[in-house]
């Protein structure tokens, strides 16, 4: 399963959010799941139970820094597929090379 998610502390006003994102990334690293950080969120890969538990842990962790938290999640769950975090990008890149 791939899950792209972002967790935002809503009541931080004009503060930079990077310190809060860094705390979330620390939890993701601890999980041992493969992940990629992007400008608008983070993608993790793993078994559904692991991924959902991690997202819940990250959401609950953010609540200690904010009384209002927004979590957005997008999931791609294809049974039997592993390595999608890298393979999906490689597939697109190979198609791009074929058309250049």
Protein backbone atom coordinates (compact mmCIF):
# COMPACT_ATOMS: atom_id res chain seq x y z
CA UNK A 1 0.00 0.00 0.00
CA UNK A 2 1.11 3.52 -0.77
CA UNK A 3 -0.30 6.37 1.28
CA UNK A 4 0.35 10.03 0.67
CA UNK A 5 -0.55 12.19 3.63
CA UNK A 6 -0.09 15.61 5.14
CA UNK A 7 -0.81 16.65 8.70
CA UNK A 8 -1.29 20.32 9.41
CA UNK A 9 -1.62 22.11 12.75
CA UNK A 10 -4.42 24.55 11.98
CA UNK A 11 -3.97 26.99 14.87
CA UNK A 12 -0.31 27.86 14.30
CA UNK A 13 -1.15 31.15 12.55
CA UNK A 14 1.70 32.60 10.53
CA UNK A 15 4.32 30.26 11.99
CA UNK A 16 6.50 28.15 9.75
CA UNK A 17 5.27 24.57 9.79
CA UNK A 18 8.63 22.90 9.12
CA UNK A 19 9.40 22.26 12.82
CA UNK A 20 6.13 20.33 13.10
CA UNK A 21 6.76 18.45 9.86
CA UNK A 22 10.22 17.49 11.16
CA UNK A 23 8.65 15.97 14.29
CA UNK A 24 6.32 13.92 12.09
CA UNK A 25 9.17 12.77 9.84
CA UNK A 26 11.05 11.58 12.93
CA UNK A 27 8.11 9.27 13.72
CA UNK A 28 8.02 8.03 10.14
CA UNK A 29 11.75 7.26 10.23
CA UNK A 30 11.29 5.33 13.48
CA UNK A 31 8.63 3.17 11.80
CA UNK A 32 11.16 1.75 9.37
CA UNK A 33 8.69 2.05 6.48
CA UNK A 34 10.02 3.36 3.16
CA UNK A 35 8.99 6.97 2.65
CA UNK A 36 9.55 10.07 0.54
CA UNK A 37 9.07 13.63 1.74
CA UNK A 38 7.67 16.05 -0.82
CA UNK A 39 6.78 19.74 -0.74
CA UNK A 40 3.08 19.02 -0.12
CA UNK A 41 3.18 15.81 1.90
CA UNK A 42 4.85 12.49 2.55
CA UNK A 43 4.40 9.10 0.88
CA UNK A 44 4.89 5.89 2.87
CA UNK A 45 4.76 2.28 1.73
CA UNK A 46 3.86 -0.79 3.75
CA UNK A 47 1.19 -3.21 4.75
CA UNK A 48 -2.18 -1.49 5.34
CA UNK A 49 -2.13 -2.12 9.10
CA UNK A 50 1.36 -0.60 9.43
CA UNK A 51 0.53 2.41 7.27
CA UNK A 52 -2.76 3.23 9.00
CA UNK A 53 -1.17 2.81 12.44
CA UNK A 54 1.66 5.15 11.46
CA UNK A 55 -0.68 7.84 10.11
CA UNK A 56 -2.76 7.63 13.28
CA UNK A 57 0.38 7.92 15.43
CA UNK A 58 1.53 10.97 13.46
CA UNK A 59 -1.90 12.61 13.72
CA UNK A 60 -2.14 12.02 17.47
CA UNK A 61 1.42 13.29 17.91
CA UNK A 62 0.58 16.54 16.10
CA UNK A 63 -2.31 17.16 18.52
CA UNK A 64 0.20 17.81 21.28
CA UNK A 65 1.31 20.91 19.34
CA UNK A 66 -2.08 22.11 18.14
CA UNK A 67 -5.65 22.07 19.38
CA UNK A 68 -6.86 21.64 15.79
CA UNK A 69 -5.21 19.28 13.30
CA UNK A 70 -6.10 18.55 9.67
CA UNK A 71 -4.94 15.27 8.10
CA UNK A 72 -5.35 14.55 4.38
CA UNK A 73 -4.73 11.02 3.09
CA UNK A 74 -4.63 9.53 -0.41
CA UNK A 75 -4.20 5.73 -0.74
CA UNK A 76 -3.16 3.38 -3.56
CA UNK A 77 -3.69 -0.19 -2.33
CA UNK A 78 -2.99 -2.88 -4.94
CA UNK A 79 -2.83 -6.40 -3.50
CA UNK A 80 0.49 -8.16 -3.95
CA UNK A 81 2.46 -5.12 -5.07
CA UNK A 82 5.65 -4.10 -3.27
CA UNK A 83 8.27 -1.56 -4.21
CA UNK A 84 5.68 0.76 -5.72
CA UNK A 85 7.29 3.82 -4.15
CA UNK A 86 10.19 3.51 -6.59
CA UNK A 87 8.68 1.41 -9.38
CA UNK A 88 5.81 3.74 -10.23
CA UNK A 89 8.23 6.62 -10.82
CA UNK A 90 10.62 4.43 -12.85
CA UNK A 91 7.72 3.32 -15.05
CA UNK A 92 6.80 6.91 -15.90
CA UNK A 93 10.43 7.88 -16.44
CA UNK A 94 10.91 4.98 -18.87
CA UNK A 95 7.91 6.21 -20.87
CA UNK A 96 9.31 9.73 -20.92
CA UNK A 97 12.59 8.44 -22.35
CA UNK A 98 10.71 6.59 -25.07
CA UNK A 99 9.09 9.82 -26.27
CA UNK A 100 12.14 12.08 -26.23
